[in-house]
């Protein structure tokens, strides 16, 4: 699996967070589409894990807030 382009991944994360923080009239199907795309893009089935992985990949130095190399740890193993 290839890691998505940072611009596309950032757009997905920002749009997902904006829609889930919006009032209840947000388009639920769009949220579901974004969740699915994030999961596929990061190779996971859990939206929370997908968001954490995407944020780690988008961090300036590729590391999470605790300094661990979360991008490498969260990346799916090569088959």
PDB file of N, CA and C in Angstrom:
ATOM      1  N   UNK A   1       0.844  -1.173   0.000  1.00  0.00           N
ATOM      2  CA  UNK A   1       0.000   0.000   0.000  1.00  0.00           C
ATOM      3  C   UNK A   1       0.887   1.234   0.000  1.00  0.00           C
ATOM      4  N   UNK A   2       0.546   2.211  -0.822  1.00  0.00           N
ATOM      5  CA  UNK A   2       1.269   3.468  -0.842  1.00  0.00           C
ATOM      6  C   UNK A   2       0.584   4.462   0.089  1.00  0.00           C
ATOM      7  N   UNK A   3       1.384   5.202   0.825  1.00  0.00           N
ATOM      8  CA  UNK A   3       0.835   6.227   1.702  1.00  0.00           C
ATOM      9  C   UNK A   3       0.244   7.331   0.831  1.00  0.00           C
ATOM     10  N   UNK A   4      -0.978   7.814   1.151  1.00  0.00           N
ATOM     11  CA  UNK A   4      -1.597   8.856   0.343  1.00  0.00           C
ATOM     12  C   UNK A   4      -0.787  10.154   0.383  1.00  0.00           C
ATOM     13  N   UNK A   5      -0.958  10.971  -0.623  1.00  0.00           N
ATOM     14  CA  UNK A   5      -0.286  12.262  -0.678  1.00  0.00           C
ATOM     15  C   UNK A   5      -0.724  13.096   0.526  1.00  0.00           C
ATOM     16  N   UNK A   6       0.198  13.784   1.193  1.00  0.00           N
ATOM     17  CA  UNK A   6      -0.137  14.563   2.393  1.00  0.00           C
ATOM     18  C   UNK A   6      -1.261  15.579   2.179  1.00  0.00           C
ATOM     19  N   UNK A   7      -1.312  16.207   1.018  1.00  0.00           N
ATOM     20  CA  UNK A   7      -2.367  17.186   0.761  1.00  0.00           C
ATOM     21  C   UNK A   7      -3.739  16.525   0.783  1.00  0.00           C
ATOM     22  N   UNK A   8      -3.858  15.368   0.153  1.00  0.00           N
ATOM     23  CA  UNK A   8      -5.129  14.638   0.127  1.00  0.00           C
ATOM     24  C   UNK A   8      -5.484  14.124   1.518  1.00  0.00           C
ATOM     25  N   UNK A   9      -4.519  13.590   2.221  1.00  0.00           N
ATOM     26  CA  UNK A   9      -4.765  13.062   3.559  1.00  0.00           C
ATOM     27  C   UNK A   9      -5.187  14.184   4.504  1.00  0.00           C
ATOM     28  N   UNK A  10      -4.525  15.326   4.439  1.00  0.00           N
ATOM     29  CA  UNK A  10      -4.874  16.471   5.280  1.00  0.00           C
ATOM     30  C   UNK A  10      -6.307  16.929   4.984  1.00  0.00           C
ATOM     31  N   UNK A  11      -6.673  16.966   3.706  1.00  0.00           N
ATOM     32  CA  UNK A  11      -8.028  17.375   3.335  1.00  0.00           C
ATOM     33  C   UNK A  11      -9.068  16.420   3.914  1.00  0.00           C
ATOM     34  N   UNK A  12      -8.795  15.118   3.832  1.00  0.00           N
ATOM     35  CA  UNK A  12      -9.717  14.120   4.383  1.00  0.00           C
ATOM     36  C   UNK A  12      -9.899  14.289   5.887  1.00  0.00           C
ATOM     37  N   UNK A  13      -8.785  14.431   6.597  1.00  0.00           N
ATOM     38  CA  UNK A  13      -8.843  14.577   8.061  1.00  0.00           C
ATOM     39  C   UNK A  13      -9.603  15.844   8.432  1.00  0.00           C
ATOM     40  N   UNK A  14      -9.275  16.958   7.806  1.00  0.00           N
ATOM     41  CA  UNK A  14      -9.924  18.229   8.137  1.00  0.00           C
ATOM     42  C   UNK A  14     -11.422  18.195   7.826  1.00  0.00           C
ATOM     43  N   UNK A  15     -11.786  17.638   6.680  1.00  0.00           N
ATOM     44  CA  UNK A  15     -13.199  17.564   6.329  1.00  0.00           C
ATOM     45  C   UNK A  15     -13.961  16.647   7.280  1.00  0.00           C
ATOM     46  N   UNK A  16     -13.357  15.508   7.635  1.00  0.00           N
ATOM     47  CA  UNK A  16     -14.003  14.584   8.576  1.00  0.00           C
ATOM     48  C   UNK A  16     -14.229  15.268   9.918  1.00  0.00           C
ATOM     49  N   UNK A  17     -13.193  15.934  10.433  1.00  0.00           N
ATOM     50  CA  UNK A  17     -13.315  16.603  11.729  1.00  0.00           C
ATOM     51  C   UNK A  17     -14.333  17.740  11.682  1.00  0.00           C
ATOM     52  N   UNK A  18     -14.389  18.475  10.585  1.00  0.00           N
ATOM     53  CA  UNK A  18     -15.354  19.567  10.442  1.00  0.00           C
ATOM     54  C   UNK A  18     -16.778  19.031  10.436  1.00  0.00           C
ATOM     55  N   UNK A  19     -17.009  17.973   9.665  1.00  0.00           N
ATOM     56  CA  UNK A  19     -18.359  17.420   9.577  1.00  0.00           C
ATOM     57  C   UNK A  19     -18.806  16.764  10.874  1.00  0.00           C
ATOM     58  N   UNK A  20     -17.912  16.089  11.568  1.00  0.00           N
ATOM     59  CA  UNK A  20     -18.322  15.426  12.811  1.00  0.00           C
ATOM     60  C   UNK A  20     -18.516  16.432  13.939  1.00  0.00           C
ATOM     61  N   UNK A  21     -17.919  17.612  13.840  1.00  0.00           N
ATOM     62  CA  UNK A  21     -18.102  18.647  14.856  1.00  0.00           C
ATOM     63  C   UNK A  21     -19.309  19.528  14.548  1.00  0.00           C
ATOM     64  N   UNK A  22     -19.862  19.399  13.358  1.00  0.00           N
ATOM     65  CA  UNK A  22     -20.989  20.225  12.921  1.00  0.00           C
ATOM     66  C   UNK A  22     -22.275  19.786  13.612  1.00  0.00           C
ATOM     67  N   UNK A  23     -23.278  20.637  13.561  1.00  0.00           N
ATOM     68  CA  UNK A  23     -24.586  20.247  14.112  1.00  0.00           C
ATOM     69  C   UNK A  23     -25.120  18.973  13.443  1.00  0.00           C
ATOM     70  N   UNK A  24     -26.158  18.429  13.995  1.00  0.00           N
ATOM     71  CA  UNK A  24     -26.710  17.152  13.541  1.00  0.00           C
ATOM     72  C   UNK A  24     -27.170  17.158  12.088  1.00  0.00           C
ATOM     73  N   UNK A  25     -27.277  18.302  11.460  1.00  0.00           N
ATOM     74  CA  UNK A  25     -27.756  18.331  10.077  1.00  0.00           C
ATOM     75  C   UNK A  25     -26.649  18.045   9.063  1.00  0.00           C
ATOM     76  N   UNK A  26     -25.456  17.704   9.539  1.00  0.00           N
ATOM     77  CA  UNK A  26     -24.353  17.364   8.622  1.00  0.00           C
ATOM     78  C   UNK A  26     -24.732  16.116   7.819  1.00  0.00           C
ATOM     79  N   UNK A  27     -24.241  16.047   6.621  1.00  0.00           N
ATOM     80  CA  UNK A  27     -24.544  14.919   5.743  1.00  0.00           C
ATOM     81  C   UNK A  27     -23.874  13.655   6.283  1.00  0.00           C
ATOM     82  N   UNK A  28     -24.672  12.762   6.846  1.00  0.00           N
ATOM     83  CA  UNK A  28     -24.128  11.533   7.427  1.00  0.00           C
ATOM     84  C   UNK A  28     -23.472  10.647   6.382  1.00  0.00           C
ATOM     85  N   UNK A  29     -23.988  10.649   5.170  1.00  0.00           N
ATOM     86  CA  UNK A  29     -23.382   9.807   4.142  1.00  0.00           C
ATOM     87  C   UNK A  29     -21.979  10.312   3.804  1.00  0.00           C
ATOM     88  N   UNK A  30     -21.765  11.622   3.820  1.00  0.00           N
ATOM     89  CA  UNK A  30     -20.435  12.168   3.536  1.00  0.00           C
ATOM     90  C   UNK A  30     -19.465  11.775   4.649  1.00  0.00           C
ATOM     91  N   UNK A  31     -19.925  11.800   5.905  1.00  0.00           N
ATOM     92  CA  UNK A  31     -19.082  11.385   7.027  1.00  0.00           C
ATOM     93  C   UNK A  31     -18.696   9.924   6.855  1.00  0.00           C
ATOM     94  N   UNK A  32     -19.651   9.094   6.468  1.00  0.00           N
ATOM     95  CA  UNK A  32     -19.366   7.673   6.255  1.00  0.00           C
ATOM     96  C   UNK A  32     -18.367   7.487   5.115  1.00  0.00           C
ATOM     97  N   UNK A  33     -18.520   8.268   4.035  1.00  0.00           N
ATOM     98  CA  UNK A  33     -17.581   8.192   2.913  1.00  0.00           C
ATOM     99  C   UNK A  33     -16.171   8.580   3.342  1.00  0.00           C
ATOM    100  N   UNK A  34     -16.068   9.657   4.111  1.00  0.00           N
ATOM    101  CA  UNK A  34     -14.759  10.107   4.590  1.00  0.00           C
ATOM    102  C   UNK A  34     -14.133   9.074   5.521  1.00  0.00           C
ATOM    103  N   UNK A  35     -14.933   8.511   6.416  1.00  0.00           N
ATOM    104  CA  UNK A  35     -14.422   7.497   7.339  1.00  0.00           C
ATOM    105  C   UNK A  35     -13.888   6.302   6.560  1.00  0.00           C
ATOM    106  N   UNK A  36     -14.642   5.862   5.556  1.00  0.00           N
ATOM    107  CA  UNK A  36     -14.216   4.735   4.737  1.00  0.00           C
ATOM    108  C   UNK A  36     -12.908   5.057   4.013  1.00  0.00           C
ATOM    109  N   UNK A  37     -12.831   6.240   3.401  1.00  0.00           N
ATOM    110  CA  UNK A  37     -11.634   6.623   2.660  1.00  0.00           C
ATOM    111  C   UNK A  37     -10.428   6.723   3.577  1.00  0.00           C
ATOM    112  N   UNK A  38     -10.611   7.280   4.770  1.00  0.00           N
ATOM    113  CA  UNK A  38      -9.509   7.357   5.732  1.00  0.00           C
ATOM    114  C   UNK A  38      -9.037   5.960   6.124  1.00  0.00           C
ATOM    115  N   UNK A  39      -9.981   5.064   6.365  1.00  0.00           N
ATOM    116  CA  UNK A  39      -9.620   3.701   6.752  1.00  0.00           C
ATOM    117  C   UNK A  39      -8.856   2.992   5.632  1.00  0.00           C
ATOM    118  N   UNK A  40      -9.332   3.119   4.409  1.00  0.00           N
ATOM    119  CA  UNK A  40      -8.651   2.489   3.276  1.00  0.00           C
ATOM    120  C   UNK A  40      -7.277   3.111   3.080  1.00  0.00           C
ATOM    121  N   UNK A  41      -7.194   4.431   3.180  1.00  0.00           N
ATOM    122  CA  UNK A  41      -5.932   5.143   2.959  1.00  0.00           C
ATOM    123  C   UNK A  41      -4.860   4.767   3.969  1.00  0.00           C
ATOM    124  N   UNK A  42      -5.284   4.439   5.185  1.00  0.00           N
ATOM    125  CA  UNK A  42      -4.313   4.123   6.238  1.00  0.00           C
ATOM    126  C   UNK A  42      -4.208   2.633   6.517  1.00  0.00           C
ATOM    127  N   UNK A  43      -5.012   1.817   5.856  1.00  0.00           N
ATOM    128  CA  UNK A  43      -4.920   0.370   6.009  1.00  0.00           C
ATOM    129  C   UNK A  43      -5.479  -0.152   7.313  1.00  0.00           C
ATOM    130  N   UNK A  44      -6.503   0.484   7.844  1.00  0.00           N
ATOM    131  CA  UNK A  44      -7.117   0.029   9.087  1.00  0.00           C
ATOM    132  C   UNK A  44      -8.634  -0.004   8.933  1.00  0.00           C
ATOM    133  N   UNK A  45      -9.309  -0.642   9.876  1.00  0.00           N
ATOM    134  CA  UNK A  45     -10.770  -0.715   9.834  1.00  0.00           C
ATOM    135  C   UNK A  45     -11.423   0.183  10.867  1.00  0.00           C
ATOM    136  N   UNK A  46     -10.634   0.809  11.719  1.00  0.00           N
ATOM    137  CA  UNK A  46     -11.160   1.640  12.796  1.00  0.00           C
ATOM    138  C   UNK A  46     -10.904   3.114  12.473  1.00  0.00           C
ATOM    139  N   UNK A  47     -11.946   3.938  12.529  1.00  0.00           N
ATOM    140  CA  UNK A  47     -11.811   5.351  12.172  1.00  0.00           C
ATOM    141  C   UNK A  47     -10.869   6.066  13.131  1.00  0.00           C
ATOM    142  N   UNK A  48     -10.953   5.769  14.420  1.00  0.00           N
ATOM    143  CA  UNK A  48     -10.064   6.401  15.387  1.00  0.00           C
ATOM    144  C   UNK A  48      -8.600   6.105  15.087  1.00  0.00           C
ATOM    145  N   UNK A  49      -8.320   4.860  14.779  1.00  0.00           N
ATOM    146  CA  UNK A  49      -6.953   4.470  14.421  1.00  0.00           C
ATOM    147  C   UNK A  49      -6.541   5.128  13.106  1.00  0.00           C
ATOM    148  N   UNK A  50      -7.460   5.198  12.153  1.00  0.00           N
ATOM    149  CA  UNK A  50      -7.163   5.838  10.870  1.00  0.00           C
ATOM    150  C   UNK A  50      -6.824   7.311  11.061  1.00  0.00           C
ATOM    151  N   UNK A  51      -7.586   8.007  11.910  1.00  0.00           N
ATOM    152  CA  UNK A  51      -7.302   9.422  12.174  1.00  0.00           C
ATOM    153  C   UNK A  51      -5.950   9.589  12.866  1.00  0.00           C
ATOM    154  N   UNK A  52      -5.674   8.742  13.846  1.00  0.00           N
ATOM    155  CA  UNK A  52      -4.394   8.822  14.550  1.00  0.00           C
ATOM    156  C   UNK A  52      -3.227   8.565  13.593  1.00  0.00           C
ATOM    157  N   UNK A  53      -3.386   7.585  12.729  1.00  0.00           N
ATOM    158  CA  UNK A  53      -2.342   7.275  11.751  1.00  0.00           C
ATOM    159  C   UNK A  53      -2.152   8.438  10.783  1.00  0.00           C
ATOM    160  N   UNK A  54      -3.260   8.979  10.292  1.00  0.00           N
ATOM    161  CA  UNK A  54      -3.180  10.108   9.361  1.00  0.00           C
ATOM    162  C   UNK A  54      -2.501  11.298  10.018  1.00  0.00           C
ATOM    163  N   UNK A  55      -2.869  11.587  11.270  1.00  0.00           N
ATOM    164  CA  UNK A  55      -2.235  12.713  11.974  1.00  0.00           C
ATOM    165  C   UNK A  55      -0.743  12.468  12.162  1.00  0.00           C
ATOM    166  N   UNK A  56      -0.368  11.231  12.462  1.00  0.00           N
ATOM    167  CA  UNK A  56       1.054  10.911  12.629  1.00  0.00           C
ATOM    168  C   UNK A  56       1.803  11.097  11.312  1.00  0.00           C
ATOM    169  N   UNK A  57       1.190  10.664  10.222  1.00  0.00           N
ATOM    170  CA  UNK A  57       1.819  10.817   8.912  1.00  0.00           C
ATOM    171  C   UNK A  57       1.941  12.281   8.526  1.00  0.00           C
ATOM    172  N   UNK A  58       1.013  13.107   9.001  1.00  0.00           N
ATOM    173  CA  UNK A  58       1.011  14.526   8.661  1.00  0.00           C
ATOM    174  C   UNK A  58       1.880  15.368   9.588  1.00  0.00           C
ATOM    175  N   UNK A  59       2.350  14.785  10.685  1.00  0.00           N
ATOM    176  CA  UNK A  59       3.211  15.526  11.609  1.00  0.00           C
ATOM    177  C   UNK A  59       4.462  15.978  10.859  1.00  0.00           C
ATOM    178  N   UNK A  60       4.979  17.161  11.182  1.00  0.00           N
ATOM    179  CA  UNK A  60       6.120  17.704  10.442  1.00  0.00           C
ATOM    180  C   UNK A  60       7.327  16.765  10.371  1.00  0.00           C
ATOM    181  N   UNK A  61       7.601  16.044  11.436  1.00  0.00           N
ATOM    182  CA  UNK A  61       8.779  15.179  11.441  1.00  0.00           C
ATOM    183  C   UNK A  61       8.422  13.699  11.364  1.00  0.00           C
ATOM    184  N   UNK A  62       7.140  13.384  11.117  1.00  0.00           N
ATOM    185  CA  UNK A  62       6.717  11.990  11.017  1.00  0.00           C
ATOM    186  C   UNK A  62       6.580  11.307  12.358  1.00  0.00           C
ATOM    187  N   UNK A  63       6.607  12.095  13.416  1.00  0.00           N
ATOM    188  CA  UNK A  63       6.487  11.533  14.757  1.00  0.00           C
ATOM    189  C   UNK A  63       5.233  12.079  15.432  1.00  0.00           C
ATOM    190  N   UNK A  64       4.674  11.292  16.309  1.00  0.00           N
ATOM    191  CA  UNK A  64       3.508  11.721  17.069  1.00  0.00           C
ATOM    192  C   UNK A  64       3.909  12.689  18.175  1.00  0.00           C
ATOM    193  N   UNK A  65       2.951  13.083  18.963  1.00  0.00           N
ATOM    194  CA  UNK A  65       3.217  14.071  20.004  1.00  0.00           C
ATOM    195  C   UNK A  65       4.122  13.555  21.114  1.00  0.00           C
ATOM    196  N   UNK A  66       4.233  12.237  21.277  1.00  0.00           N
ATOM    197  CA  UNK A  66       5.099  11.706  22.331  1.00  0.00           C
ATOM    198  C   UNK A  66       6.505  11.390  21.828  1.00  0.00           C
ATOM    199  N   UNK A  67       6.816  11.711  20.565  1.00  0.00           N
ATOM    200  CA  UNK A  67       8.157  11.527  20.033  1.00  0.00           C
ATOM    201  C   UNK A  67       8.426  10.169  19.416  1.00  0.00           C
ATOM    202  N   UNK A  68       7.498   9.203  19.586  1.00  0.00           N
ATOM    203  CA  UNK A  68       7.710   7.893  18.971  1.00  0.00           C
ATOM    204  C   UNK A  68       7.481   8.000  17.479  1.00  0.00           C
ATOM    205  N   UNK A  69       8.058   7.104  16.736  1.00  0.00           N
ATOM    206  CA  UNK A  69       7.864   7.084  15.294  1.00  0.00           C
ATOM    207  C   UNK A  69       6.549   6.376  15.010  1.00  0.00           C
ATOM    208  N   UNK A  70       5.450   7.092  15.245  1.00  0.00           N
ATOM    209  CA  UNK A  70       4.133   6.479  15.104  1.00  0.00           C
ATOM    210  C   UNK A  70       3.764   6.224  13.649  1.00  0.00           C
ATOM    211  N   UNK A  71       4.335   6.980  12.742  1.00  0.00           N
ATOM    212  CA  UNK A  71       4.038   6.749  11.322  1.00  0.00           C
ATOM    213  C   UNK A  71       4.523   5.382  10.900  1.00  0.00           C
ATOM    214  N   UNK A  72       5.725   5.021  11.303  1.00  0.00           N
ATOM    215  CA  UNK A  72       6.255   3.702  10.959  1.00  0.00           C
ATOM    216  C   UNK A  72       5.522   2.601  11.709  1.00  0.00           C
ATOM    217  N   UNK A  73       5.198   2.858  12.964  1.00  0.00           N
ATOM    218  CA  UNK A  73       4.509   1.837  13.764  1.00  0.00           C
ATOM    219  C   UNK A  73       3.087   1.612  13.264  1.00  0.00           C
ATOM    220  N   UNK A  74       2.434   2.668  12.789  1.00  0.00           N
ATOM    221  CA  UNK A  74       1.061   2.553  12.341  1.00  0.00           C
ATOM    222  C   UNK A  74       0.940   2.056  10.907  1.00  0.00           C
ATOM    223  N   UNK A  75       2.008   2.133  10.167  1.00  0.00           N
ATOM    224  CA  UNK A  75       1.970   1.700   8.770  1.00  0.00           C
ATOM    225  C   UNK A  75       1.779   0.191   8.689  1.00  0.00           C
ATOM    226  N   UNK A  76       0.930  -0.259   7.792  1.00  0.00           N
ATOM    227  CA  UNK A  76       0.732  -1.702   7.663  1.00  0.00           C
ATOM    228  C   UNK A  76       2.006  -2.396   7.174  1.00  0.00           C
ATOM    229  N   UNK A  77       2.175  -3.595   7.616  1.00  0.00           N
ATOM    230  CA  UNK A  77       3.363  -4.358   7.216  1.00  0.00           C
ATOM    231  C   UNK A  77       3.281  -4.711   5.743  1.00  0.00           C
ATOM    232  N   UNK A  78       4.411  -4.690   5.092  1.00  0.00           N
ATOM    233  CA  UNK A  78       4.457  -5.057   3.672  1.00  0.00           C
ATOM    234  C   UNK A  78       4.229  -6.563   3.543  1.00  0.00           C
ATOM    235  N   UNK A  79       3.501  -6.923   2.517  1.00  0.00           N
ATOM    236  CA  UNK A  79       3.187  -8.350   2.311  1.00  0.00           C
ATOM    237  C   UNK A  79       4.111  -8.927   1.287  1.00  0.00           C
TER     238      UNK A  79
END
